Amino acid sequence: MNFAELSAPFPPDAIHWRAQTVTKDGDKALALAYLDARDVQDRLDAVCGPANWRDSYVETPKGRTICTLEIRVDGEWIGKSDGAGDTDVEGEKGSISDALKRAAVKWGIGRYLYDLGNVWAPCESYEIDDRGKKRMKWKKWKPEADRAFAAALNRLTGGAPAPTSDPVGEKPQAAAGAELVNDGHLQSIRAAARQAKFSEATICRNMKISRLEDLPADQYQFVIDNLNIAIANSEQKRAA
C-alpha cells in the first residue's frame, strides 16, 4: 500500500466549507474546510481496497464517539483512533462521521487541510437576538467566496489558480464525443504518476474512466496539476 496516496490532496470540488465566526457587520465569515465521510471511505477503498480497511466505534461515558480505523498493512491490522461529540445538525450520526474523519486524519487523509490557516470569505448574514444582544448569523456564502476558497487551496497545495473561464474548484466536465488524450499526454501522466507514486488504476477510479486512454484531452491538465501537487507534497515531507 502506498501511504502517499492516502494523504494526497483531494480535488477542490470535494472540499466543503462551513462558517465558524461572522464579522460584526456580517459581510465575511471564517470558513473551515472539511470532507464528507463518503469521500474518506472512497479514498480508503481506492488506495487500500474495500477488504483492507475496517472501522469500529465505542461511546465514552461522557457521550463522545471514538472511531478506530484499521488498515491491513503487510498482512497485519493496524488501528488509529480519534473521537467526536454529537453535531448540531445530525447528532449521533454526525458524531460517527466526524469520528471516522478524525481517525482518518491520523492516517494522513485530509490532514493537509489543517494547514490552511484562517480563511475569511464573503457571505450573507442576518441579525438575531442572542439573549438581548444583537449579533449577525451566517446565512450563505456569496458567489465570490468560491474565489477565496480556491485561492486558499492553491496557496496550500501550490496548485495553479483556476482559469477564470471555468467554475472555480470544479473538475472539468467532458463534452460528448470529446477528443481524448494523445500519446504525449499519456507519457506525461504516467511519468508524473510514477514520481508521485500513484497507480494508474487510482487515477482512473478518481476520473471515473475504465482506462487512462479514455481520459478526455480537456481534463489532461487537471490530472497533471493534481499529480504535481502530490509530488510537491511528497518532496516537502522528505525535506522536513
Protein backbone atom coordinates (compact mmCIF):
# COMPACT_ATOMS: atom_id res chain seq x y z
CA MET A 1 0.00 0.00 0.00
CA ASN A 2 1.19 3.50 -0.88
CA PHE A 3 0.73 5.86 2.07
CA ALA A 4 1.37 8.87 -0.19
CA GLU A 5 -1.88 8.08 -2.00
CA LEU A 6 -3.79 8.21 1.30
CA SER A 7 -2.52 11.70 2.12
CA ALA A 8 -2.76 13.16 -1.41
CA PRO A 9 -4.89 16.32 -1.81
CA PHE A 10 -8.49 15.91 -2.89
CA PRO A 11 -9.99 17.61 -5.95
CA PRO A 12 -11.15 21.13 -4.98
CA ASP A 13 -14.81 20.22 -5.57
CA ALA A 14 -14.55 17.56 -2.82
CA ILE A 15 -13.74 20.23 -0.20
CA HIS A 16 -16.71 21.77 1.62
CA TRP A 17 -16.74 24.92 3.73
CA ARG A 18 -18.72 25.85 6.82
CA ALA A 19 -18.83 29.17 8.63
CA GLN A 20 -17.45 29.40 12.16
CA THR A 21 -17.35 33.11 13.03
CA VAL A 22 -19.08 36.06 11.34
CA THR A 23 -17.71 39.60 11.37
CA LYS A 24 -19.69 42.28 13.21
CA ASP A 25 -21.08 43.72 10.00
CA GLY A 26 -21.89 40.24 8.70
CA ASP A 27 -20.16 40.61 5.34
CA LYS A 28 -17.50 37.91 5.93
CA ALA A 29 -17.16 34.66 7.84
CA LEU A 30 -14.28 32.50 8.97
CA ALA A 31 -14.52 29.38 6.79
CA LEU A 32 -13.50 25.89 7.90
CA ALA A 33 -12.73 23.27 5.25
CA TYR A 34 -13.97 19.71 5.65
CA LEU A 35 -14.52 16.47 3.75
CA ASP A 36 -17.57 14.25 3.56
CA ALA A 37 -17.24 10.86 5.24
CA ARG A 38 -18.09 9.23 1.90
CA ASP A 39 -15.04 10.87 0.29
CA VAL A 40 -12.89 9.43 3.08
CA GLN A 41 -14.41 5.99 2.51
CA ASP A 42 -13.84 6.27 -1.25
CA ARG A 43 -10.18 7.17 -0.66
CA LEU A 44 -9.77 4.14 1.61
CA ASP A 45 -11.43 1.89 -0.97
CA ALA A 46 -9.29 3.26 -3.79
CA VAL A 47 -5.94 3.04 -2.00
CA CYS A 48 -6.35 0.12 0.39
CA GLY A 49 -9.13 -1.90 -1.24
CA PRO A 50 -12.53 -2.44 0.45
CA ALA A 51 -11.33 -5.63 2.17
CA ASN A 52 -8.24 -3.99 3.68
CA TRP A 53 -9.75 -1.39 5.99
CA ARG A 54 -12.37 -1.51 8.73
CA ASP A 55 -13.84 0.83 11.32
CA SER A 56 -15.35 0.29 14.78
CA TYR A 57 -16.96 2.66 17.28
CA VAL A 58 -17.39 2.96 21.05
CA GLU A 59 -19.09 5.61 23.14
CA THR A 60 -17.39 7.08 26.20
CA PRO A 61 -19.29 7.69 29.48
CA LYS A 62 -19.49 11.38 28.52
CA GLY A 63 -21.11 10.58 25.18
CA ARG A 64 -18.10 11.03 22.93
CA THR A 65 -17.90 8.66 19.94
CA ILE A 66 -14.48 7.07 19.39
CA CYS A 67 -13.66 5.58 15.99
CA THR A 68 -10.84 3.11 15.48
CA LEU A 69 -9.83 2.96 11.83
CA GLU A 70 -7.78 -0.12 10.99
CA ILE A 71 -5.84 -0.75 7.80
CA ARG A 72 -4.24 -4.05 6.84
CA VAL A 73 -0.53 -3.39 6.25
CA ASP A 74 1.65 -6.32 5.15
CA GLY A 75 -1.00 -8.72 6.44
CA GLU A 76 -1.29 -7.08 9.87
CA TRP A 77 -4.18 -4.92 11.08
CA ILE A 78 -3.01 -1.56 12.44
CA GLY A 79 -5.51 0.80 14.08
CA LYS A 80 -5.57 4.51 14.86
CA SER A 81 -8.32 6.17 16.91
CA ASP A 82 -9.92 9.55 17.45
CA GLY A 83 -13.29 10.83 18.55
CA ALA A 84 -16.02 13.46 18.26
CA GLY A 85 -19.15 14.57 20.07
CA ASP A 86 -22.68 14.93 18.67
CA THR A 87 -23.02 17.61 15.98
CA ASP A 88 -25.67 20.32 15.95
CA VAL A 89 -27.02 19.08 12.62
CA GLU A 90 -27.06 15.28 12.73
CA GLY A 91 -26.49 14.42 16.38
CA GLU A 92 -25.24 10.87 16.87
CA LYS A 93 -24.94 10.21 13.13
CA GLY A 94 -22.81 13.33 12.82
CA SER A 95 -20.53 12.26 15.65
CA ILE A 96 -19.90 8.89 13.93
CA SER A 97 -18.99 10.59 10.65
CA ASP A 98 -16.77 13.14 12.40
CA ALA A 99 -15.03 10.43 14.42
CA LEU A 100 -14.26 8.49 11.24
CA LYS A 101 -12.86 11.60 9.55
CA ARG A 102 -10.70 12.45 12.56
CA ALA A 103 -9.34 8.92 12.75
CA ALA A 104 -8.63 9.08 9.01
CA VAL A 105 -6.57 12.24 9.54
CA LYS A 106 -4.19 10.16 11.66
CA TRP A 107 -3.61 8.07 8.53
CA GLY A 108 -2.95 11.27 6.58
CA ILE A 109 -6.33 11.56 4.82
CA GLY A 110 -7.20 15.26 4.55
CA ARG A 111 -4.53 16.23 7.08
CA TYR A 112 -3.17 18.94 4.77
CA LEU A 113 -6.40 20.94 5.29
CA TYR A 114 -5.32 21.68 8.86
CA ASP A 115 -2.55 23.88 7.42
CA LEU A 116 -4.97 26.23 5.66
CA GLY A 117 -4.87 28.90 8.36
CA ASN A 118 -7.66 31.48 8.64
CA VAL A 119 -9.79 31.76 5.51
CA TRP A 120 -12.24 34.69 5.52
CA ALA A 121 -14.82 34.62 2.74
CA PRO A 122 -17.71 36.92 1.68
CA CYS A 123 -21.10 35.84 2.95
CA GLU A 124 -24.69 36.92 3.53
CA SER A 125 -25.90 37.17 7.13
CA TYR A 126 -28.97 38.12 9.13
CA GLU A 127 -29.41 39.66 12.55
CA ILE A 128 -30.61 37.65 15.54
CA ASP A 129 -31.32 38.45 19.18
CA ASP A 130 -28.95 36.41 21.35
CA ARG A 131 -30.03 36.87 24.99
CA GLY A 132 -30.79 40.51 24.48
CA LYS A 133 -27.74 41.19 22.33
CA LYS A 134 -27.93 41.67 18.59
CA ARG A 135 -25.45 39.72 16.50
CA MET A 136 -25.08 38.56 12.93
CA LYS A 137 -25.63 34.92 11.94
CA TRP A 138 -24.31 33.32 8.76
CA LYS A 139 -26.91 32.68 6.05
CA LYS A 140 -24.99 31.58 2.93
CA TRP A 141 -21.78 32.12 1.02
CA LYS A 142 -21.71 34.80 -1.66
CA PRO A 143 -20.68 33.64 -5.17
CA GLU A 144 -17.30 35.38 -4.86
CA ALA A 145 -16.50 33.20 -1.82
CA ASP A 146 -15.50 30.47 -4.27
CA ARG A 147 -12.53 32.60 -5.28
CA ALA A 148 -11.38 32.91 -1.68
CA PHE A 149 -11.68 29.15 -1.21
CA ALA A 150 -9.78 28.40 -4.43
CA ALA A 151 -7.02 30.86 -3.55
CA ALA A 152 -6.61 29.31 -0.09
CA LEU A 153 -6.31 25.80 -1.51
CA ASN A 154 -3.88 26.98 -4.18
CA ARG A 155 -1.66 28.62 -1.56
CA LEU A 156 -1.71 25.41 0.45
CA THR A 157 -1.01 22.93 -2.34
CA GLY A 158 0.97 25.10 -4.73
CA GLY A 159 -1.58 24.44 -7.47
CA ALA A 160 -2.16 26.82 -10.33
CA PRO A 161 -5.10 29.26 -9.95
CA ALA A 162 -8.32 28.09 -11.55
CA PRO A 163 -8.95 29.58 -15.01
CA THR A 164 -11.48 32.41 -14.87
CA SER A 165 -13.50 30.76 -17.64
CA ASP A 166 -14.13 27.61 -15.59
CA PRO A 167 -16.31 27.20 -12.47
CA VAL A 168 -13.97 27.63 -9.50
CA GLY A 169 -12.98 24.39 -7.84
CA GLU A 170 -14.86 22.10 -10.19
CA LYS A 171 -13.38 19.25 -12.19
CA PRO A 172 -13.71 19.93 -15.94
CA GLN A 173 -16.63 18.09 -17.47
CA ALA A 174 -16.01 16.32 -20.74
CA ALA A 175 -18.32 17.09 -23.62
CA ALA A 176 -19.93 14.25 -25.54
CA GLY A 177 -17.54 12.99 -28.22
CA ALA A 178 -14.66 14.97 -26.73
CA GLU A 179 -11.14 14.46 -28.05
CA LEU A 180 -9.12 12.00 -25.96
CA VAL A 181 -5.58 12.37 -24.68
CA ASN A 182 -2.80 11.61 -27.15
CA ASP A 183 0.34 9.53 -26.70
CA GLY A 184 2.32 12.55 -25.46
CA HIS A 185 -0.31 13.25 -22.81
CA LEU A 186 -0.27 9.62 -21.69
CA GLN A 187 3.53 9.58 -21.37
CA SER A 188 3.46 12.77 -19.27
CA ILE A 189 0.72 11.47 -16.98
CA ARG A 190 2.44 8.12 -16.46
CA ALA A 191 5.78 9.78 -15.75
CA ALA A 192 4.19 12.13 -13.19
CA ALA A 193 2.23 9.26 -11.66
CA ARG A 194 5.42 7.24 -11.16
CA GLN A 195 7.10 10.21 -9.49
CA ALA A 196 4.04 10.80 -7.28
CA LYS A 197 3.85 7.03 -6.61
CA PHE A 198 0.23 6.96 -7.79
CA SER A 199 -1.11 3.91 -9.57
CA GLU A 200 -2.78 4.26 -12.94
CA ALA A 201 -5.80 2.41 -11.54
CA THR A 202 -6.24 5.07 -8.85
CA ILE A 203 -6.22 7.86 -11.43
CA CYS A 204 -8.83 6.01 -13.49
CA ARG A 205 -11.06 5.49 -10.45
CA ASN A 206 -10.80 9.17 -9.48
CA MET A 207 -11.61 10.31 -13.02
CA LYS A 208 -14.32 7.65 -13.45
CA ILE A 209 -12.83 6.10 -16.58
CA SER A 210 -12.03 2.46 -17.29
CA ARG A 211 -8.53 3.10 -18.69
CA LEU A 212 -6.19 6.06 -18.97
CA GLU A 213 -6.56 6.15 -22.77
CA ASP A 214 -10.24 7.14 -22.24
CA LEU A 215 -9.32 10.42 -20.49
CA PRO A 216 -10.71 13.45 -22.38
CA ALA A 217 -7.96 15.80 -23.55
CA ASP A 218 -9.60 18.77 -21.81
CA GLN A 219 -9.12 17.00 -18.45
CA TYR A 220 -5.42 16.31 -19.02
CA GLN A 221 -4.24 19.49 -17.27
CA PHE A 222 -6.48 18.79 -14.26
CA VAL A 223 -4.81 15.38 -13.78
CA ILE A 224 -1.28 16.76 -14.28
CA ASP A 225 -1.89 19.62 -11.82
CA ASN A 226 -3.06 17.22 -9.10
CA LEU A 227 -0.15 14.86 -9.69
CA ASN A 228 2.29 17.78 -9.44
CA ILE A 229 0.66 18.77 -6.14
CA ALA A 230 1.18 15.24 -4.83
CA ILE A 231 4.83 15.31 -5.98
CA ALA A 232 5.44 18.66 -4.28
CA ASN A 233 3.85 17.49 -1.03
CA SER A 234 5.94 14.32 -1.07
CA GLU A 235 9.15 16.29 -1.62
CA GLN A 236 8.29 18.67 1.23
CA LYS A 237 7.76 15.73 3.59
CA ARG A 238 11.12 14.21 2.63
CA ALA A 239 12.85 17.54 3.17
CA ALA A 240 11.22 18.07 6.60
